[in-house]
Amino acid sequence: MRYLVVKVKKLLRKVISNEFEKLKLKVLFLNTYLPFEVRENAFFKLVFLNRKFRKSRVQYTCLFTNNAKFVIKFFKLSRFQLKMQFYKNYLVGIKRTNN
C-alpha cells in the first residue's frame, strides 16, 4: 500500500506546480492593460494546461482497503476503517459525539 501513498504525493507535487502556472496565466489573461495578443496567448495556454494535474483529479485511497470512496484525508482512512480503528482504541484523542 506504500506505493499508493507515494503515488498520491507525486501527483500532489505536480498539482501544486501546475496551480502556480495556472495562476500566472490567469493574471496575464485578466490584466486588461496588456495587449490583446498576449492575453489571447495566455488564455489558450490556460485552456490547454494538462487536465491530469488538477486538484479535483487527486483521488485519495484508504491505506487499509485501497478504497477510494468516503476517504477522510486527515487520517487517510475510509469511513468504515476509521470507525473500526476507533472501536479498537487505535486512534487516540477522538471522541464520539451524540447527535
PDB file of N, CA and C in Angstrom:
ATOM      1  N   MET A   1       0.816  -1.208   0.000  1.00  0.00           N
ATOM      2  CA  MET A   1       0.000   0.000   0.000  1.00  0.00           C
ATOM      3  C   MET A   1       0.853   1.263   0.000  1.00  0.00           C
ATOM      4  N   ARG A   2       2.119   1.096   0.342  1.00  0.00           N
ATOM      5  CA  ARG A   2       3.001   2.259   0.414  1.00  0.00           C
ATOM      6  C   ARG A   2       3.125   2.950  -0.942  1.00  0.00           C
ATOM      7  N   TYR A   3       3.114   2.166  -2.022  1.00  0.00           N
ATOM      8  CA  TYR A   3       3.265   2.760  -3.347  1.00  0.00           C
ATOM      9  C   TYR A   3       2.107   3.694  -3.676  1.00  0.00           C
ATOM     10  N   LEU A   4       0.938   3.436  -3.119  1.00  0.00           N
ATOM     11  CA  LEU A   4      -0.204   4.315  -3.361  1.00  0.00           C
ATOM     12  C   LEU A   4      -0.008   5.668  -2.694  1.00  0.00           C
ATOM     13  N   VAL A   5       0.582   5.668  -1.502  1.00  0.00           N
ATOM     14  CA  VAL A   5       0.848   6.920  -0.802  1.00  0.00           C
ATOM     15  C   VAL A   5       1.874   7.735  -1.575  1.00  0.00           C
ATOM     16  N   VAL A   6       2.909   7.079  -2.067  1.00  0.00           N
ATOM     17  CA  VAL A   6       3.948   7.758  -2.843  1.00  0.00           C
ATOM     18  C   VAL A   6       3.358   8.306  -4.137  1.00  0.00           C
ATOM     19  N   LYS A   7       2.478   7.536  -4.750  1.00  0.00           N
ATOM     20  CA  LYS A   7       1.841   7.954  -5.998  1.00  0.00           C
ATOM     21  C   LYS A   7       1.009   9.227  -5.788  1.00  0.00           C
ATOM     22  N   VAL A   8       0.251   9.277  -4.697  1.00  0.00           N
ATOM     23  CA  VAL A   8      -0.570  10.454  -4.403  1.00  0.00           C
ATOM     24  C   VAL A   8       0.313  11.655  -4.092  1.00  0.00           C
ATOM     25  N   LYS A   9       1.419  11.438  -3.368  1.00  0.00           N
ATOM     26  CA  LYS A   9       2.325  12.545  -3.051  1.00  0.00           C
ATOM     27  C   LYS A   9       2.946  13.138  -4.310  1.00  0.00           C
ATOM     28  N   LYS A  10       3.357  12.287  -5.257  1.00  0.00           N
ATOM     29  CA  LYS A  10       3.916  12.772  -6.519  1.00  0.00           C
ATOM     30  C   LYS A  10       2.875  13.577  -7.283  1.00  0.00           C
ATOM     31  N   LEU A  11       1.665  13.066  -7.315  1.00  0.00           N
ATOM     32  CA  LEU A  11       0.594  13.755  -8.018  1.00  0.00           C
ATOM     33  C   LEU A  11       0.289  15.105  -7.379  1.00  0.00           C
ATOM     34  N   LEU A  12       0.297  15.174  -6.056  1.00  0.00           N
ATOM     35  CA  LEU A  12       0.049  16.433  -5.364  1.00  0.00           C
ATOM     36  C   LEU A  12       1.156  17.452  -5.634  1.00  0.00           C
ATOM     37  N   ARG A  13       2.399  16.976  -5.725  1.00  0.00           N
ATOM     38  CA  ARG A  13       3.502  17.874  -6.056  1.00  0.00           C
ATOM     39  C   ARG A  13       3.303  18.490  -7.437  1.00  0.00           C
ATOM     40  N   LYS A  14       2.884  17.678  -8.393  1.00  0.00           N
ATOM     41  CA  LYS A  14       2.641  18.173  -9.740  1.00  0.00           C
ATOM     42  C   LYS A  14       1.438  19.112  -9.778  1.00  0.00           C
ATOM     43  N   VAL A  15       0.443  18.819  -8.970  1.00  0.00           N
ATOM     44  CA  VAL A  15      -0.737  19.684  -8.893  1.00  0.00           C
ATOM     45  C   VAL A  15      -0.347  21.063  -8.383  1.00  0.00           C
ATOM     46  N   ILE A  16       0.503  21.114  -7.360  1.00  0.00           N
ATOM     47  CA  ILE A  16       0.917  22.401  -6.793  1.00  0.00           C
ATOM     48  C   ILE A  16       1.690  23.215  -7.813  1.00  0.00           C
ATOM     49  N   SER A  17       2.606  22.572  -8.531  1.00  0.00           N
ATOM     50  CA  SER A  17       3.365  23.317  -9.546  1.00  0.00           C
ATOM     51  C   SER A  17       2.453  23.755 -10.679  1.00  0.00           C
ATOM     52  N   ASN A  18       1.487  22.936 -11.026  1.00  0.00           N
ATOM     53  CA  ASN A  18       0.550  23.286 -12.090  1.00  0.00           C
ATOM     54  C   ASN A  18      -0.364  24.433 -11.656  1.00  0.00           C
ATOM     55  N   GLU A  19      -0.736  24.460 -10.380  1.00  0.00           N
ATOM     56  CA  GLU A  19      -1.578  25.547  -9.879  1.00  0.00           C
ATOM     57  C   GLU A  19      -0.845  26.881  -9.940  1.00  0.00           C
ATOM     58  N   PHE A  20       0.465  26.879  -9.693  1.00  0.00           N
ATOM     59  CA  PHE A  20       1.244  28.105  -9.780  1.00  0.00           C
ATOM     60  C   PHE A  20       1.291  28.610 -11.222  1.00  0.00           C
ATOM     61  N   GLU A  21       1.494  27.696 -12.156  1.00  0.00           N
ATOM     62  CA  GLU A  21       1.499  28.067 -13.580  1.00  0.00           C
ATOM     63  C   GLU A  21       0.129  28.589 -14.001  1.00  0.00           C
ATOM     64  N   LYS A  22      -0.915  27.954 -13.513  1.00  0.00           N
ATOM     65  CA  LYS A  22      -2.282  28.373 -13.827  1.00  0.00           C
ATOM     66  C   LYS A  22      -2.563  29.779 -13.307  1.00  0.00           C
ATOM     67  N   LEU A  23      -2.072  30.077 -12.111  1.00  0.00           N
ATOM     68  CA  LEU A  23      -2.258  31.398 -11.520  1.00  0.00           C
ATOM     69  C   LEU A  23      -1.550  32.474 -12.344  1.00  0.00           C
ATOM     70  N   LYS A  24      -0.324  32.179 -12.791  1.00  0.00           N
ATOM     71  CA  LYS A  24       0.416  33.144 -13.612  1.00  0.00           C
ATOM     72  C   LYS A  24      -0.336  33.445 -14.909  1.00  0.00           C
ATOM     73  N   LEU A  25      -0.834  32.404 -15.556  1.00  0.00           N
ATOM     74  CA  LEU A  25      -1.555  32.593 -16.816  1.00  0.00           C
ATOM     75  C   LEU A  25      -2.867  33.344 -16.604  1.00  0.00           C
ATOM     76  N   LYS A  26      -3.509  33.078 -15.492  1.00  0.00           N
ATOM     77  CA  LYS A  26      -4.770  33.756 -15.197  1.00  0.00           C
ATOM     78  C   LYS A  26      -4.565  35.251 -14.972  1.00  0.00           C
ATOM     79  N   VAL A  27      -3.465  35.595 -14.295  1.00  0.00           N
ATOM     80  CA  VAL A  27      -3.145  37.006 -14.064  1.00  0.00           C
ATOM     81  C   VAL A  27      -2.888  37.703 -15.393  1.00  0.00           C
ATOM     82  N   LEU A  28      -2.143  37.037 -16.283  1.00  0.00           N
ATOM     83  CA  LEU A  28      -1.890  37.624 -17.601  1.00  0.00           C
ATOM     84  C   LEU A  28      -3.181  37.802 -18.393  1.00  0.00           C
ATOM     85  N   PHE A  29      -4.041  36.815 -18.331  1.00  0.00           N
ATOM     86  CA  PHE A  29      -5.288  36.864 -19.098  1.00  0.00           C
ATOM     87  C   PHE A  29      -6.229  37.954 -18.589  1.00  0.00           C
ATOM     88  N   LEU A  30      -6.291  38.147 -17.285  1.00  0.00           N
ATOM     89  CA  LEU A  30      -7.233  39.111 -16.715  1.00  0.00           C
ATOM     90  C   LEU A  30      -6.703  40.549 -16.680  1.00  0.00           C
ATOM     91  N   ASN A  31      -5.427  40.728 -16.976  1.00  0.00           N
ATOM     92  CA  ASN A  31      -4.841  42.064 -16.984  1.00  0.00           C
ATOM     93  C   ASN A  31      -5.260  42.785 -18.263  1.00  0.00           C
ATOM     94  N   THR A  32      -6.135  43.784 -18.140  1.00  0.00           N
ATOM     95  CA  THR A  32      -6.674  44.468 -19.327  1.00  0.00           C
ATOM     96  C   THR A  32      -5.712  45.497 -19.906  1.00  0.00           C
ATOM     97  N   TYR A  33      -4.615  45.789 -19.211  1.00  0.00           N
ATOM     98  CA  TYR A  33      -3.642  46.762 -19.724  1.00  0.00           C
ATOM     99  C   TYR A  33      -2.671  46.136 -20.716  1.00  0.00           C
ATOM    100  N   LEU A  34      -2.616  44.823 -20.774  1.00  0.00           N
ATOM    101  CA  LEU A  34      -1.716  44.145 -21.705  1.00  0.00           C
ATOM    102  C   LEU A  34      -2.328  44.112 -23.105  1.00  0.00           C
ATOM    103  N   PRO A  35      -1.495  43.958 -24.136  1.00  0.00           N
ATOM    104  CA  PRO A  35      -2.027  43.839 -25.500  1.00  0.00           C
ATOM    105  C   PRO A  35      -2.896  42.586 -25.658  1.00  0.00           C
ATOM    106  N   PHE A  36      -3.783  42.654 -26.630  1.00  0.00           N
ATOM    107  CA  PHE A  36      -4.745  41.572 -26.845  1.00  0.00           C
ATOM    108  C   PHE A  36      -4.047  40.263 -27.185  1.00  0.00           C
ATOM    109  N   GLU A  37      -2.974  40.312 -27.969  1.00  0.00           N
ATOM    110  CA  GLU A  37      -2.278  39.090 -28.391  1.00  0.00           C
ATOM    111  C   GLU A  37      -1.678  38.344 -27.198  1.00  0.00           C
ATOM    112  N   VAL A  38      -1.131  39.105 -26.261  1.00  0.00           N
ATOM    113  CA  VAL A  38      -0.540  38.478 -25.065  1.00  0.00           C
ATOM    114  C   VAL A  38      -1.632  37.823 -24.231  1.00  0.00           C
ATOM    115  N   ARG A  39      -2.739  38.522 -24.073  1.00  0.00           N
ATOM    116  CA  ARG A  39      -3.848  37.976 -23.284  1.00  0.00           C
ATOM    117  C   ARG A  39      -4.445  36.738 -23.963  1.00  0.00           C
ATOM    118  N   GLU A  40      -4.563  36.789 -25.277  1.00  0.00           N
ATOM    119  CA  GLU A  40      -5.123  35.655 -26.026  1.00  0.00           C
ATOM    120  C   GLU A  40      -4.206  34.438 -25.912  1.00  0.00           C
ATOM    121  N   ASN A  41      -2.897  34.674 -26.022  1.00  0.00           N
ATOM    122  CA  ASN A  41      -1.926  33.586 -25.898  1.00  0.00           C
ATOM    123  C   ASN A  41      -2.005  32.957 -24.503  1.00  0.00           C
ATOM    124  N   ALA A  42      -2.121  33.788 -23.472  1.00  0.00           N
ATOM    125  CA  ALA A  42      -2.243  33.281 -22.098  1.00  0.00           C
ATOM    126  C   ALA A  42      -3.530  32.480 -21.928  1.00  0.00           C
ATOM    127  N   PHE A  43      -4.605  32.943 -22.564  1.00  0.00           N
ATOM    128  CA  PHE A  43      -5.877  32.225 -22.457  1.00  0.00           C
ATOM    129  C   PHE A  43      -5.778  30.830 -23.069  1.00  0.00           C
ATOM    130  N   PHE A  44      -5.165  30.734 -24.254  1.00  0.00           N
ATOM    131  CA  PHE A  44      -5.076  29.425 -24.901  1.00  0.00           C
ATOM    132  C   PHE A  44      -4.148  28.481 -24.146  1.00  0.00           C
ATOM    133  N   LYS A  45      -3.084  29.008 -23.555  1.00  0.00           N
ATOM    134  CA  LYS A  45      -2.231  28.163 -22.722  1.00  0.00           C
ATOM    135  C   LYS A  45      -2.987  27.693 -21.483  1.00  0.00           C
ATOM    136  N   LEU A  46      -3.815  28.562 -20.939  1.00  0.00           N
ATOM    137  CA  LEU A  46      -4.610  28.226 -19.759  1.00  0.00           C
ATOM    138  C   LEU A  46      -5.625  27.135 -20.065  1.00  0.00           C
ATOM    139  N   VAL A  47      -6.240  27.229 -21.215  1.00  0.00           N
ATOM    140  CA  VAL A  47      -7.253  26.239 -21.599  1.00  0.00           C
ATOM    141  C   VAL A  47      -6.623  24.864 -21.813  1.00  0.00           C
ATOM    142  N   PHE A  48      -5.426  24.855 -22.413  1.00  0.00           N
ATOM    143  CA  PHE A  48      -4.816  23.578 -22.759  1.00  0.00           C
ATOM    144  C   PHE A  48      -3.782  23.094 -21.751  1.00  0.00           C
ATOM    145  N   LEU A  49      -3.839  23.610 -20.521  1.00  0.00           N
ATOM    146  CA  LEU A  49      -2.982  23.050 -19.473  1.00  0.00           C
ATOM    147  C   LEU A  49      -3.380  21.600 -19.246  1.00  0.00           C
ATOM    148  N   ASN A  50      -2.433  20.828 -18.783  1.00  0.00           N
ATOM    149  CA  ASN A  50      -2.678  19.404 -18.596  1.00  0.00           C
ATOM    150  C   ASN A  50      -3.806  19.180 -17.585  1.00  0.00           C
ATOM    151  N   ARG A  51      -4.843  18.532 -18.036  1.00  0.00           N
ATOM    152  CA  ARG A  51      -6.019  18.305 -17.180  1.00  0.00           C
ATOM    153  C   ARG A  51      -5.767  17.222 -16.136  1.00  0.00           C
ATOM    154  N   LYS A  52      -4.715  16.466 -16.343  1.00  0.00           N
ATOM    155  CA  LYS A  52      -4.404  15.374 -15.428  1.00  0.00           C
ATOM    156  C   LYS A  52      -3.997  15.893 -14.051  1.00  0.00           C
ATOM    157  N   PHE A  53      -3.397  17.077 -14.004  1.00  0.00           N
ATOM    158  CA  PHE A  53      -2.863  17.603 -12.760  1.00  0.00           C
ATOM    159  C   PHE A  53      -3.740  18.715 -12.217  1.00  0.00           C
ATOM    160  N   ARG A  54      -4.975  18.395 -11.910  1.00  0.00           N
ATOM    161  CA  ARG A  54      -5.889  19.342 -11.280  1.00  0.00           C
ATOM    162  C   ARG A  54      -6.256  18.825  -9.906  1.00  0.00           C
ATOM    163  N   LYS A  55      -6.640  19.752  -9.030  1.00  0.00           N
ATOM    164  CA  LYS A  55      -6.971  19.367  -7.646  1.00  0.00           C
ATOM    165  C   LYS A  55      -8.090  18.338  -7.603  1.00  0.00           C
ATOM    166  N   SER A  56      -9.062  18.505  -8.467  1.00  0.00           N
ATOM    167  CA  SER A  56     -10.214  17.617  -8.425  1.00  0.00           C
ATOM    168  C   SER A  56      -9.889  16.214  -8.918  1.00  0.00           C
ATOM    169  N   ARG A  57      -8.748  16.034  -9.594  1.00  0.00           N
ATOM    170  CA  ARG A  57      -8.375  14.725 -10.108  1.00  0.00           C
ATOM    171  C   ARG A  57      -7.615  13.878  -9.090  1.00  0.00           C
ATOM    172  N   VAL A  58      -7.165  14.492  -8.010  1.00  0.00           N
ATOM    173  CA  VAL A  58      -6.430  13.739  -6.990  1.00  0.00           C
ATOM    174  C   VAL A  58      -7.416  12.845  -6.263  1.00  0.00           C
ATOM    175  N   GLN A  59      -7.111  11.552  -6.262  1.00  0.00           N
ATOM    176  CA  GLN A  59      -8.033  10.608  -5.643  1.00  0.00           C
ATOM    177  C   GLN A  59      -7.314   9.921  -4.481  1.00  0.00           C
ATOM    178  N   TYR A  60      -7.754  10.233  -3.280  1.00  0.00           N
ATOM    179  CA  TYR A  60      -7.177   9.634  -2.093  1.00  0.00           C
ATOM    180  C   TYR A  60      -7.753   8.240  -1.906  1.00  0.00           C
ATOM    181  N   THR A  61      -6.912   7.319  -1.443  1.00  0.00           N
ATOM    182  CA  THR A  61      -7.387   5.960  -1.193  1.00  0.00           C
ATOM    183  C   THR A  61      -7.081   5.576   0.246  1.00  0.00           C
ATOM    184  N   CYS A  62      -7.875   4.676   0.763  1.00  0.00           N
ATOM    185  CA  CYS A  62      -7.703   4.189   2.132  1.00  0.00           C
ATOM    186  C   CYS A  62      -6.418   3.363   2.215  1.00  0.00           C
ATOM    187  N   LEU A  63      -5.689   3.511   3.315  1.00  0.00           N
ATOM    188  CA  LEU A  63      -4.435   2.772   3.475  1.00  0.00           C
ATOM    189  C   LEU A  63      -4.669   1.279   3.685  1.00  0.00           C
ATOM    190  N   PHE A  64      -5.772   0.914   4.294  1.00  0.00           N
ATOM    191  CA  PHE A  64      -6.029  -0.494   4.585  1.00  0.00           C
ATOM    192  C   PHE A  64      -6.753  -1.212   3.454  1.00  0.00           C
ATOM    193  N   THR A  65      -7.791  -0.587   2.931  1.00  0.00           N
ATOM    194  CA  THR A  65      -8.639  -1.281   1.970  1.00  0.00           C
ATOM    195  C   THR A  65      -8.416  -0.863   0.530  1.00  0.00           C
ATOM    196  N   ASN A  66      -7.656   0.190   0.297  1.00  0.00           N
ATOM    197  CA  ASN A  66      -7.431   0.744  -1.040  1.00  0.00           C
ATOM    198  C   ASN A  66      -8.738   1.230  -1.670  1.00  0.00           C
ATOM    199  N   ASN A  67      -9.715   1.513  -0.828  1.00  0.00           N
ATOM    200  CA  ASN A  67     -10.999   2.004  -1.288  1.00  0.00           C
ATOM    201  C   ASN A  67     -10.908   3.515  -1.508  1.00  0.00           C
ATOM    202  N   ALA A  68     -11.484   4.000  -2.601  1.00  0.00           N
ATOM    203  CA  ALA A  68     -11.399   5.426  -2.909  1.00  0.00           C
ATOM    204  C   ALA A  68     -12.659   6.188  -2.508  1.00  0.00           C
ATOM    205  N   LYS A  69     -13.634   5.493  -1.958  1.00  0.00           N
ATOM    206  CA  LYS A  69     -14.885   6.160  -1.584  1.00  0.00           C
ATOM    207  C   LYS A  69     -14.904   6.447  -0.090  1.00  0.00           C
ATOM    208  N   PHE A  70     -15.432   7.596   0.281  1.00  0.00           N
ATOM    209  CA  PHE A  70     -15.595   8.017   1.672  1.00  0.00           C
ATOM    210  C   PHE A  70     -14.266   8.065   2.423  1.00  0.00           C
ATOM    211  N   VAL A  71     -13.215   8.572   1.779  1.00  0.00           N
ATOM    212  CA  VAL A  71     -11.904   8.655   2.418  1.00  0.00           C
ATOM    213  C   VAL A  71     -11.775   9.995   3.132  1.00  0.00           C
ATOM    214  N   ILE A  72     -11.368   9.958   4.386  1.00  0.00           N
ATOM    215  CA  ILE A  72     -11.120  11.163   5.166  1.00  0.00           C
ATOM    216  C   ILE A  72      -9.638  11.481   5.026  1.00  0.00           C
ATOM    217  N   LYS A  73      -9.350  12.646   4.434  1.00  0.00           N
ATOM    218  CA  LYS A  73      -7.975  12.965   4.057  1.00  0.00           C
ATOM    219  C   LYS A  73      -7.026  13.036   5.243  1.00  0.00           C
ATOM    220  N   PHE A  74      -7.487  13.547   6.351  1.00  0.00           N
ATOM    221  CA  PHE A  74      -6.608  13.730   7.506  1.00  0.00           C
ATOM    222  C   PHE A  74      -6.053  12.401   8.002  1.00  0.00           C
ATOM    223  N   PHE A  75      -6.888  11.379   8.030  1.00  0.00           N
ATOM    224  CA  PHE A  75      -6.475  10.074   8.524  1.00  0.00           C
ATOM    225  C   PHE A  75      -6.030   9.135   7.412  1.00  0.00           C
ATOM    226  N   LYS A  76      -6.384   9.446   6.171  1.00  0.00           N
ATOM    227  CA  LYS A  76      -6.130   8.584   5.012  1.00  0.00           C
ATOM    228  C   LYS A  76      -6.797   7.215   5.198  1.00  0.00           C
ATOM    229  N   LEU A  77      -7.981   7.260   5.816  1.00  0.00           N
ATOM    230  CA  LEU A  77      -8.755   6.045   6.039  1.00  0.00           C
ATOM    231  C   LEU A  77     -10.167   6.242   5.520  1.00  0.00           C
ATOM    232  N   SER A  78     -10.767   5.131   5.095  1.00  0.00           N
ATOM    233  CA  SER A  78     -12.173   5.210   4.706  1.00  0.00           C
ATOM    234  C   SER A  78     -13.024   5.330   5.967  1.00  0.00           C
ATOM    235  N   ARG A  79     -14.258   5.715   5.771  1.00  0.00           N
ATOM    236  CA  ARG A  79     -15.151   5.955   6.899  1.00  0.00           C
ATOM    237  C   ARG A  79     -15.318   4.696   7.752  1.00  0.00           C
ATOM    238  N   PHE A  80     -15.460   3.558   7.092  1.00  0.00           N
ATOM    239  CA  PHE A  80     -15.650   2.304   7.811  1.00  0.00           C
ATOM    240  C   PHE A  80     -14.384   1.927   8.586  1.00  0.00           C
ATOM    241  N   GLN A  81     -13.215   2.047   7.963  1.00  0.00           N
ATOM    242  CA  GLN A  81     -11.967   1.703   8.640  1.00  0.00           C
ATOM    243  C   GLN A  81     -11.687   2.648   9.808  1.00  0.00           C
ATOM    244  N   LEU A  82     -12.063   3.922   9.646  1.00  0.00           N
ATOM    245  CA  LEU A  82     -11.900   4.872  10.738  1.00  0.00           C
ATOM    246  C   LEU A  82     -12.741   4.447  11.940  1.00  0.00           C
ATOM    247  N   LYS A  83     -13.945   4.008  11.647  1.00  0.00           N
ATOM    248  CA  LYS A  83     -14.828   3.536  12.724  1.00  0.00           C
ATOM    249  C   LYS A  83     -14.257   2.287  13.409  1.00  0.00           C
ATOM    250  N   MET A  84     -13.729   1.367  12.602  1.00  0.00           N
ATOM    251  CA  MET A  84     -13.177   0.137  13.169  1.00  0.00           C
ATOM    252  C   MET A  84     -11.932   0.435  14.013  1.00  0.00           C
ATOM    253  N   GLN A  85     -11.068   1.334  13.540  1.00  0.00           N
ATOM    254  CA  GLN A  85      -9.870   1.687  14.297  1.00  0.00           C
ATOM    255  C   GLN A  85     -10.243   2.413  15.585  1.00  0.00           C
ATOM    256  N   PHE A  86     -11.310   3.196  15.525  1.00  0.00           N
ATOM    257  CA  PHE A  86     -11.791   3.902  16.716  1.00  0.00           C
ATOM    258  C   PHE A  86     -12.277   2.914  17.772  1.00  0.00           C
ATOM    259  N   TYR A  87     -13.054   1.918  17.357  1.00  0.00           N
ATOM    260  CA  TYR A  87     -13.586   0.952  18.317  1.00  0.00           C
ATOM    261  C   TYR A  87     -12.504   0.046  18.902  1.00  0.00           C
ATOM    262  N   LYS A  88     -11.407  -0.157  18.170  1.00  0.00           N
ATOM    263  CA  LYS A  88     -10.298  -0.964  18.680  1.00  0.00           C
ATOM    264  C   LYS A  88      -9.338  -0.132  19.535  1.00  0.00           C
ATOM    265  N   ASN A  89      -9.659   1.147  19.725  1.00  0.00           N
ATOM    266  CA  ASN A  89      -8.859   2.090  20.510  1.00  0.00           C
ATOM    267  C   ASN A  89      -7.458   2.323  19.930  1.00  0.00           C
ATOM    268  N   TYR A  90      -7.336   2.278  18.606  1.00  0.00           N
ATOM    269  CA  TYR A  90      -6.061   2.593  17.966  1.00  0.00           C
ATOM    270  C   TYR A  90      -5.905   4.087  17.717  1.00  0.00           C
ATOM    271  N   LEU A  91      -6.997   4.805  17.675  1.00  0.00           N
ATOM    272  CA  LEU A  91      -6.960   6.247  17.434  1.00  0.00           C
ATOM    273  C   LEU A  91      -7.147   6.961  18.764  1.00  0.00           C
ATOM    274  N   VAL A  92      -6.156   7.751  19.142  1.00  0.00           N
ATOM    275  CA  VAL A  92      -6.179   8.430  20.438  1.00  0.00           C
ATOM    276  C   VAL A  92      -6.667   9.848  20.241  1.00  0.00           C
ATOM    277  N   GLY A  93      -7.495  10.319  21.144  1.00  0.00           N
ATOM    278  CA  GLY A  93      -7.933  11.711  21.123  1.00  0.00           C
ATOM    279  C   GLY A  93      -9.179  11.956  20.337  1.00  0.00           C
ATOM    280  N   ILE A  94      -9.833  10.939  19.834  1.00  0.00           N
ATOM    281  CA  ILE A  94     -11.070  11.106  19.079  1.00  0.00           C
ATOM    282  C   ILE A  94     -12.223  10.675  19.973  1.00  0.00           C
ATOM    283  N   LYS A  95     -13.248  11.515  20.050  1.00  0.00           N
ATOM    284  CA  LYS A  95     -14.396  11.212  20.887  1.00  0.00           C
ATOM    285  C   LYS A  95     -15.645  11.114  20.029  1.00  0.00           C
ATOM    286  N   ARG A  96     -16.524  10.270  20.435  1.00  0.00           N
ATOM    287  CA  ARG A  96     -17.784  10.123  19.733  1.00  0.00           C
ATOM    288  C   ARG A  96     -18.756  11.177  20.205  1.00  0.00           C
ATOM    289  N   THR A  97     -19.462  11.803  19.266  1.00  0.00           N
ATOM    290  CA  THR A  97     -20.470  12.792  19.632  1.00  0.00           C
ATOM    291  C   THR A  97     -21.846  12.174  19.485  1.00  0.00           C
ATOM    292  N   ASN A  98     -22.746  12.574  20.320  1.00  0.00           N
ATOM    293  CA  ASN A  98     -24.130  12.077  20.261  1.00  0.00           C
ATOM    294  C   ASN A  98     -24.984  13.085  19.548  1.00  0.00           C
ATOM    295  N   ASN A  99     -25.314  12.807  18.311  1.00  0.00           N
ATOM    296  CA  ASN A  99     -26.189  13.691  17.529  1.00  0.00           C
ATOM    297  C   ASN A  99     -27.527  13.062  17.324  1.00  0.00           C
TER     298      ASN A  99
END
